[in-house]
Amino acid sequence: MPLLELFGTAGCEHTAEMREWLEWNGREFVEYDVERDPAAFERMRGATGGQHMVPVLLEDGVVARIGWNGRGCFVAGGK
């Protein structure tokens, strides 16, 4: 089964929507809050070519989705 990683923030409603979609589909995933985890923020930016919009979903380290149905939240970076 592929490794799914959800990069988002606690304050972004679109992160919650993507999380709920993954859970509804019975998918296992690891979630990172890029505002609280600077290493996760840098990892997300490296995988996406410098993206600052969340949520981002990686599948086996490859970008599967950026944003949720065309919507997302801007983040400045981890603290």
PDB file of N, CA and C in Angstrom:
ATOM      1  N   MET A   1       0.838  -1.174   0.000  1.00  0.00           N
ATOM      2  CA  MET A   1       0.000   0.000   0.000  1.00  0.00           C
ATOM      3  C   MET A   1       0.887   1.243   0.000  1.00  0.00           C
ATOM      4  N   PRO A   2       0.553   2.242  -0.799  1.00  0.00           N
ATOM      5  CA  PRO A   2       1.404   3.433  -0.878  1.00  0.00           C
ATOM      6  C   PRO A   2       1.364   4.242   0.412  1.00  0.00           C
ATOM      7  N   LEU A   3       2.454   4.933   0.674  1.00  0.00           N
ATOM      8  CA  LEU A   3       2.531   5.819   1.816  1.00  0.00           C
ATOM      9  C   LEU A   3       1.902   7.150   1.428  1.00  0.00           C
ATOM     10  N   LEU A   4       0.868   7.560   2.143  1.00  0.00           N
ATOM     11  CA  LEU A   4       0.220   8.846   1.919  1.00  0.00           C
ATOM     12  C   LEU A   4       0.616   9.793   3.032  1.00  0.00           C
ATOM     13  N   GLU A   5       0.996  11.013   2.659  1.00  0.00           N
ATOM     14  CA  GLU A   5       1.372  12.038   3.623  1.00  0.00           C
ATOM     15  C   GLU A   5       0.548  13.282   3.324  1.00  0.00           C
ATOM     16  N   LEU A   6      -0.132  13.777   4.341  1.00  0.00           N
ATOM     17  CA  LEU A   6      -0.954  14.973   4.231  1.00  0.00           C
ATOM     18  C   LEU A   6      -0.237  16.119   4.931  1.00  0.00           C
ATOM     19  N   PHE A   7       0.086  17.141   4.171  1.00  0.00           N
ATOM     20  CA  PHE A   7       0.729  18.340   4.708  1.00  0.00           C
ATOM     21  C   PHE A   7      -0.326  19.440   4.741  1.00  0.00           C
ATOM     22  N   GLY A   8      -0.543  20.019   5.917  1.00  0.00           N
ATOM     23  CA  GLY A   8      -1.559  21.053   6.046  1.00  0.00           C
ATOM     24  C   GLY A   8      -1.328  21.858   7.301  1.00  0.00           C
ATOM     25  N   THR A   9      -2.401  22.519   7.744  1.00  0.00           N
ATOM     26  CA  THR A   9      -2.345  23.289   8.980  1.00  0.00           C
ATOM     27  C   THR A   9      -3.636  23.065   9.755  1.00  0.00           C
ATOM     28  N   ALA A  10      -3.555  23.258  11.053  1.00  0.00           N
ATOM     29  CA  ALA A  10      -4.729  23.083  11.903  1.00  0.00           C
ATOM     30  C   ALA A  10      -5.811  24.105  11.565  1.00  0.00           C
ATOM     31  N   GLY A  11      -5.417  25.291  11.130  1.00  0.00           N
ATOM     32  CA  GLY A  11      -6.373  26.347  10.860  1.00  0.00           C
ATOM     33  C   GLY A  11      -6.957  26.369   9.463  1.00  0.00           C
ATOM     34  N   CYS A  12      -6.527  25.478   8.597  1.00  0.00           N
ATOM     35  CA  CYS A  12      -7.008  25.473   7.213  1.00  0.00           C
ATOM     36  C   CYS A  12      -8.149  24.473   7.057  1.00  0.00           C
ATOM     37  N   GLU A  13      -9.346  24.979   6.779  1.00  0.00           N
ATOM     38  CA  GLU A  13     -10.505  24.097   6.642  1.00  0.00           C
ATOM     39  C   GLU A  13     -10.347  23.105   5.490  1.00  0.00           C
ATOM     40  N   HIS A  14      -9.546  23.444   4.499  1.00  0.00           N
ATOM     41  CA  HIS A  14      -9.353  22.536   3.361  1.00  0.00           C
ATOM     42  C   HIS A  14      -8.484  21.334   3.746  1.00  0.00           C
ATOM     43  N   THR A  15      -7.594  21.531   4.719  1.00  0.00           N
ATOM     44  CA  THR A  15      -6.845  20.403   5.265  1.00  0.00           C
ATOM     45  C   THR A  15      -7.815  19.429   5.922  1.00  0.00           C
ATOM     46  N   ALA A  16      -8.749  19.955   6.696  1.00  0.00           N
ATOM     47  CA  ALA A  16      -9.750  19.107   7.361  1.00  0.00           C
ATOM     48  C   ALA A  16     -10.602  18.357   6.340  1.00  0.00           C
ATOM     49  N   GLU A  17     -10.967  19.031   5.249  1.00  0.00           N
ATOM     50  CA  GLU A  17     -11.773  18.392   4.207  1.00  0.00           C
ATOM     51  C   GLU A  17     -11.022  17.239   3.546  1.00  0.00           C
ATOM     52  N   MET A  18      -9.722  17.459   3.264  1.00  0.00           N
ATOM     53  CA  MET A  18      -8.935  16.386   2.654  1.00  0.00           C
ATOM     54  C   MET A  18      -8.759  15.237   3.634  1.00  0.00           C
ATOM     55  N   ARG A  19      -8.548  15.546   4.913  1.00  0.00           N
ATOM     56  CA  ARG A  19      -8.418  14.505   5.938  1.00  0.00           C
ATOM     57  C   ARG A  19      -9.690  13.662   5.996  1.00  0.00           C
ATOM     58  N   GLU A  20     -10.833  14.329   6.030  1.00  0.00           N
ATOM     59  CA  GLU A  20     -12.114  13.614   6.084  1.00  0.00           C
ATOM     60  C   GLU A  20     -12.313  12.735   4.849  1.00  0.00           C
ATOM     61  N   TRP A  21     -11.926  13.220   3.686  1.00  0.00           N
ATOM     62  CA  TRP A  21     -12.031  12.447   2.443  1.00  0.00           C
ATOM     63  C   TRP A  21     -11.161  11.187   2.512  1.00  0.00           C
ATOM     64  N   LEU A  22      -9.920  11.353   3.008  1.00  0.00           N
ATOM     65  CA  LEU A  22      -9.030  10.200   3.146  1.00  0.00           C
ATOM     66  C   LEU A  22      -9.610   9.185   4.126  1.00  0.00           C
ATOM     67  N   GLU A  23     -10.106   9.667   5.261  1.00  0.00           N
ATOM     68  CA  GLU A  23     -10.692   8.772   6.256  1.00  0.00           C
ATOM     69  C   GLU A  23     -11.932   8.079   5.704  1.00  0.00           C
ATOM     70  N   TRP A  24     -12.783   8.813   5.001  1.00  0.00           N
ATOM     71  CA  TRP A  24     -14.003   8.245   4.419  1.00  0.00           C
ATOM     72  C   TRP A  24     -13.674   7.131   3.424  1.00  0.00           C
ATOM     73  N   ASN A  25     -12.545   7.291   2.710  1.00  0.00           N
ATOM     74  CA  ASN A  25     -12.107   6.278   1.753  1.00  0.00           C
ATOM     75  C   ASN A  25     -11.287   5.168   2.401  1.00  0.00           C
ATOM     76  N   GLY A  26     -11.145   5.211   3.717  1.00  0.00           N
ATOM     77  CA  GLY A  26     -10.418   4.165   4.429  1.00  0.00           C
ATOM     78  C   GLY A  26      -8.923   4.158   4.166  1.00  0.00           C
ATOM     79  N   ARG A  27      -8.367   5.317   3.811  1.00  0.00           N
ATOM     80  CA  ARG A  27      -6.939   5.408   3.511  1.00  0.00           C
ATOM     81  C   ARG A  27      -6.147   5.734   4.765  1.00  0.00           C
ATOM     82  N   GLU A  28      -5.037   5.066   4.938  1.00  0.00           N
ATOM     83  CA  GLU A  28      -4.129   5.368   6.041  1.00  0.00           C
ATOM     84  C   GLU A  28      -3.162   6.428   5.566  1.00  0.00           C
ATOM     85  N   PHE A  29      -2.849   7.381   6.444  1.00  0.00           N
ATOM     86  CA  PHE A  29      -1.963   8.473   6.069  1.00  0.00           C
ATOM     87  C   PHE A  29      -1.279   9.032   7.305  1.00  0.00           C
ATOM     88  N   VAL A  30      -0.198   9.751   7.061  1.00  0.00           N
ATOM     89  CA  VAL A  30       0.529  10.469   8.102  1.00  0.00           C
ATOM     90  C   VAL A  30       0.258  11.946   7.854  1.00  0.00           C
ATOM     91  N   GLU A  31      -0.050  12.682   8.914  1.00  0.00           N
ATOM     92  CA  GLU A  31      -0.381  14.098   8.758  1.00  0.00           C
ATOM     93  C   GLU A  31       0.664  14.977   9.434  1.00  0.00           C
ATOM     94  N   TYR A  32       1.012  16.068   8.765  1.00  0.00           N
ATOM     95  CA  TYR A  32       1.978  17.032   9.281  1.00  0.00           C
ATOM     96  C   TYR A  32       1.352  18.424   9.288  1.00  0.00           C
ATOM     97  N   ASP A  33       1.573  19.164  10.364  1.00  0.00           N
ATOM     98  CA  ASP A  33       1.159  20.559  10.434  1.00  0.00           C
ATOM     99  C   ASP A  33       2.391  21.399  10.092  1.00  0.00           C
ATOM    100  N   VAL A  34       2.402  21.972   8.903  1.00  0.00           N
ATOM    101  CA  VAL A  34       3.597  22.665   8.420  1.00  0.00           C
ATOM    102  C   VAL A  34       3.834  24.009   9.115  1.00  0.00           C
ATOM    103  N   GLU A  35       2.840  24.517   9.850  1.00  0.00           N
ATOM    104  CA  GLU A  35       3.072  25.740  10.624  1.00  0.00           C
ATOM    105  C   GLU A  35       3.810  25.433  11.919  1.00  0.00           C
ATOM    106  N   ARG A  36       3.695  24.219  12.407  1.00  0.00           N
ATOM    107  CA  ARG A  36       4.345  23.839  13.668  1.00  0.00           C
ATOM    108  C   ARG A  36       5.593  22.983  13.463  1.00  0.00           C
ATOM    109  N   ASP A  37       5.791  22.503  12.250  1.00  0.00           N
ATOM    110  CA  ASP A  37       6.897  21.582  11.969  1.00  0.00           C
ATOM    111  C   ASP A  37       7.731  22.110  10.796  1.00  0.00           C
ATOM    112  N   PRO A  38       8.807  22.868  11.084  1.00  0.00           N
ATOM    113  CA  PRO A  38       9.626  23.447  10.018  1.00  0.00           C
ATOM    114  C   PRO A  38      10.213  22.402   9.064  1.00  0.00           C
ATOM    115  N   ALA A  39      10.571  21.237   9.571  1.00  0.00           N
ATOM    116  CA  ALA A  39      11.129  20.194   8.706  1.00  0.00           C
ATOM    117  C   ALA A  39      10.074  19.700   7.713  1.00  0.00           C
ATOM    118  N   ALA A  40       8.836  19.549   8.176  1.00  0.00           N
ATOM    119  CA  ALA A  40       7.748  19.120   7.284  1.00  0.00           C
ATOM    120  C   ALA A  40       7.473  20.195   6.239  1.00  0.00           C
ATOM    121  N   PHE A  41       7.509  21.463   6.641  1.00  0.00           N
ATOM    122  CA  PHE A  41       7.304  22.561   5.692  1.00  0.00           C
ATOM    123  C   PHE A  41       8.355  22.511   4.588  1.00  0.00           C
ATOM    124  N   GLU A  42       9.602  22.335   4.967  1.00  0.00           N
ATOM    125  CA  GLU A  42      10.685  22.277   3.970  1.00  0.00           C
ATOM    126  C   GLU A  42      10.552  21.043   3.079  1.00  0.00           C
ATOM    127  N   ARG A  43      10.142  19.938   3.653  1.00  0.00           N
ATOM    128  CA  ARG A  43       9.936  18.717   2.860  1.00  0.00           C
ATOM    129  C   ARG A  43       8.825  18.907   1.840  1.00  0.00           C
ATOM    130  N   MET A  44       7.734  19.535   2.277  1.00  0.00           N
ATOM    131  CA  MET A  44       6.619  19.830   1.374  1.00  0.00           C
ATOM    132  C   MET A  44       7.077  20.757   0.253  1.00  0.00           C
ATOM    133  N   ARG A  45       7.803  21.812   0.599  1.00  0.00           N
ATOM    134  CA  ARG A  45       8.286  22.755  -0.413  1.00  0.00           C
ATOM    135  C   ARG A  45       9.218  22.067  -1.397  1.00  0.00           C
ATOM    136  N   GLY A  46      10.071  21.178  -0.907  1.00  0.00           N
ATOM    137  CA  GLY A  46      10.978  20.463  -1.809  1.00  0.00           C
ATOM    138  C   GLY A  46      10.236  19.556  -2.773  1.00  0.00           C
ATOM    139  N   ALA A  47       9.207  18.891  -2.287  1.00  0.00           N
ATOM    140  CA  ALA A  47       8.435  17.964  -3.127  1.00  0.00           C
ATOM    141  C   ALA A  47       7.575  18.687  -4.156  1.00  0.00           C
ATOM    142  N   THR A  48       7.172  19.938  -3.832  1.00  0.00           N
ATOM    143  CA  THR A  48       6.243  20.664  -4.700  1.00  0.00           C
ATOM    144  C   THR A  48       6.908  21.767  -5.511  1.00  0.00           C
ATOM    145  N   GLY A  49       8.211  21.900  -5.417  1.00  0.00           N
ATOM    146  CA  GLY A  49       8.883  22.972  -6.153  1.00  0.00           C
ATOM    147  C   GLY A  49       8.689  24.340  -5.517  1.00  0.00           C
ATOM    148  N   GLY A  50       8.503  24.379  -4.205  1.00  0.00           N
ATOM    149  CA  GLY A  50       8.419  25.643  -3.482  1.00  0.00           C
ATOM    150  C   GLY A  50       7.014  26.094  -3.122  1.00  0.00           C
ATOM    151  N   GLN A  51       6.053  25.217  -3.227  1.00  0.00           N
ATOM    152  CA  GLN A  51       4.650  25.532  -2.943  1.00  0.00           C
ATOM    153  C   GLN A  51       4.452  26.030  -1.512  1.00  0.00           C
ATOM    154  N   HIS A  52       3.574  27.017  -1.339  1.00  0.00           N
ATOM    155  CA  HIS A  52       3.207  27.523  -0.018  1.00  0.00           C
ATOM    156  C   HIS A  52       1.727  27.327   0.262  1.00  0.00           C
ATOM    157  N   MET A  53       1.034  26.574  -0.582  1.00  0.00           N
ATOM    158  CA  MET A  53      -0.392  26.348  -0.380  1.00  0.00           C
ATOM    159  C   MET A  53      -0.612  24.943   0.168  1.00  0.00           C
ATOM    160  N   VAL A  54      -1.506  24.855   1.147  1.00  0.00           N
ATOM    161  CA  VAL A  54      -1.892  23.561   1.702  1.00  0.00           C
ATOM    162  C   VAL A  54      -3.387  23.400   1.520  1.00  0.00           C
ATOM    163  N   PRO A  55      -3.896  22.222   1.541  1.00  0.00           N
ATOM    164  CA  PRO A  55      -3.206  20.973   1.812  1.00  0.00           C
ATOM    165  C   PRO A  55      -2.439  20.451   0.595  1.00  0.00           C
ATOM    166  N   VAL A  56      -1.447  19.627   0.898  1.00  0.00           N
ATOM    167  CA  VAL A  56      -0.682  18.903  -0.114  1.00  0.00           C
ATOM    168  C   VAL A  56      -0.715  17.432   0.271  1.00  0.00           C
ATOM    169  N   LEU A  57      -0.983  16.594  -0.695  1.00  0.00           N
ATOM    170  CA  LEU A  57      -0.987  15.150  -0.467  1.00  0.00           C
ATOM    171  C   LEU A  57       0.119  14.532  -1.302  1.00  0.00           C
ATOM    172  N   LEU A  58       1.035  13.827  -0.626  1.00  0.00           N
ATOM    173  CA  LEU A  58       2.094  13.090  -1.311  1.00  0.00           C
ATOM    174  C   LEU A  58       1.774  11.609  -1.247  1.00  0.00           C
ATOM    175  N   GLU A  59       2.020  10.934  -2.356  1.00  0.00           N
ATOM    176  CA  GLU A  59       1.860   9.484  -2.412  1.00  0.00           C
ATOM    177  C   GLU A  59       3.211   8.898  -2.775  1.00  0.00           C
ATOM    178  N   ASP A  60       3.809   8.167  -1.836  1.00  0.00           N
ATOM    179  CA  ASP A  60       5.164   7.635  -1.989  1.00  0.00           C
ATOM    180  C   ASP A  60       6.155   8.732  -2.385  1.00  0.00           C
ATOM    181  N   GLY A  61       6.001   9.912  -1.760  1.00  0.00           N
ATOM    182  CA  GLY A  61       6.922  11.021  -1.984  1.00  0.00           C
ATOM    183  C   GLY A  61       6.659  11.851  -3.219  1.00  0.00           C
ATOM    184  N   VAL A  62       5.627  11.516  -3.976  1.00  0.00           N
ATOM    185  CA  VAL A  62       5.286  12.233  -5.209  1.00  0.00           C
ATOM    186  C   VAL A  62       3.976  12.983  -4.991  1.00  0.00           C
ATOM    187  N   VAL A  63       3.897  14.197  -5.508  1.00  0.00           N
ATOM    188  CA  VAL A  63       2.696  15.009  -5.333  1.00  0.00           C
ATOM    189  C   VAL A  63       1.495  14.333  -5.999  1.00  0.00           C
ATOM    190  N   ALA A  64       0.458  14.088  -5.192  1.00  0.00           N
ATOM    191  CA  ALA A  64      -0.794  13.535  -5.707  1.00  0.00           C
ATOM    192  C   ALA A  64      -1.851  14.632  -5.825  1.00  0.00           C
ATOM    193  N   ARG A  65      -1.820  15.600  -4.915  1.00  0.00           N
ATOM    194  CA  ARG A  65      -2.774  16.721  -4.926  1.00  0.00           C
ATOM    195  C   ARG A  65      -2.146  17.934  -4.264  1.00  0.00           C
ATOM    196  N   ILE A  66      -2.453  19.096  -4.816  1.00  0.00           N
ATOM    197  CA  ILE A  66      -2.150  20.368  -4.164  1.00  0.00           C
ATOM    198  C   ILE A  66      -3.478  21.094  -4.054  1.00  0.00           C
ATOM    199  N   GLY A  67      -3.856  21.428  -2.840  1.00  0.00           N
ATOM    200  CA  GLY A  67      -5.144  22.060  -2.609  1.00  0.00           C
ATOM    201  C   GLY A  67      -6.249  21.021  -2.564  1.00  0.00           C
ATOM    202  N   TRP A  68      -7.423  21.488  -2.222  1.00  0.00           N
ATOM    203  CA  TRP A  68      -8.581  20.617  -2.147  1.00  0.00           C
ATOM    204  C   TRP A  68      -9.657  21.176  -3.074  1.00  0.00           C
ATOM    205  N   ASN A  69      -9.890  20.480  -4.176  1.00  0.00           N
ATOM    206  CA  ASN A  69     -10.883  20.908  -5.162  1.00  0.00           C
ATOM    207  C   ASN A  69     -10.689  22.362  -5.587  1.00  0.00           C
ATOM    208  N   GLY A  70      -9.422  22.701  -5.853  1.00  0.00           N
ATOM    209  CA  GLY A  70      -9.094  24.039  -6.322  1.00  0.00           C
ATOM    210  C   GLY A  70      -8.974  25.089  -5.231  1.00  0.00           C
ATOM    211  N   ARG A  71      -9.076  24.685  -3.988  1.00  0.00           N
ATOM    212  CA  ARG A  71      -8.979  25.625  -2.877  1.00  0.00           C
ATOM    213  C   ARG A  71      -7.844  25.241  -1.944  1.00  0.00           C
ATOM    214  N   GLY A  72      -7.316  26.219  -1.264  1.00  0.00           N
ATOM    215  CA  GLY A  72      -6.250  25.950  -0.313  1.00  0.00           C
ATOM    216  C   GLY A  72      -6.008  27.150   0.563  1.00  0.00           C
ATOM    217  N   CYS A  73      -5.026  27.030   1.435  1.00  0.00           N
ATOM    218  CA  CYS A  73      -4.645  28.108   2.350  1.00  0.00           C
ATOM    219  C   CYS A  73      -3.153  28.365   2.174  1.00  0.00           C
ATOM    220  N   PHE A  74      -2.768  29.635   2.204  1.00  0.00           N
ATOM    221  CA  PHE A  74      -1.370  30.021   2.104  1.00  0.00           C
ATOM    222  C   PHE A  74      -0.712  29.912   3.472  1.00  0.00           C
ATOM    223  N   VAL A  75       0.504  29.379   3.492  1.00  0.00           N
ATOM    224  CA  VAL A  75       1.282  29.320   4.737  1.00  0.00           C
ATOM    225  C   VAL A  75       2.648  29.942   4.500  1.00  0.00           C
ATOM    226  N   ALA A  76       3.136  30.647   5.519  1.00  0.00           N
ATOM    227  CA  ALA A  76       4.427  31.316   5.407  1.00  0.00           C
ATOM    228  C   ALA A  76       5.576  30.368   5.753  1.00  0.00           C
ATOM    229  N   GLY A  77       5.321  29.391   6.620  1.00  0.00           N
ATOM    230  CA  GLY A  77       6.385  28.458   6.969  1.00  0.00           C
ATOM    231  C   GLY A  77       6.310  27.992   8.395  1.00  0.00           C
ATOM    232  N   GLY A  78       7.130  26.985   8.685  1.00  0.00           N
ATOM    233  CA  GLY A  78       7.153  26.398  10.017  1.00  0.00           C
ATOM    234  C   GLY A  78       7.792  27.308  11.041  1.00  0.00           C
ATOM    235  N   LYS A  79       7.438  27.115  12.313  1.00  0.00           N
ATOM    236  CA  LYS A  79       7.984  27.942  13.398  1.00  0.00           C
ATOM    237  C   LYS A  79       8.680  27.088  14.421  1.00  0.00           C
TER     238      LYS A  79
END
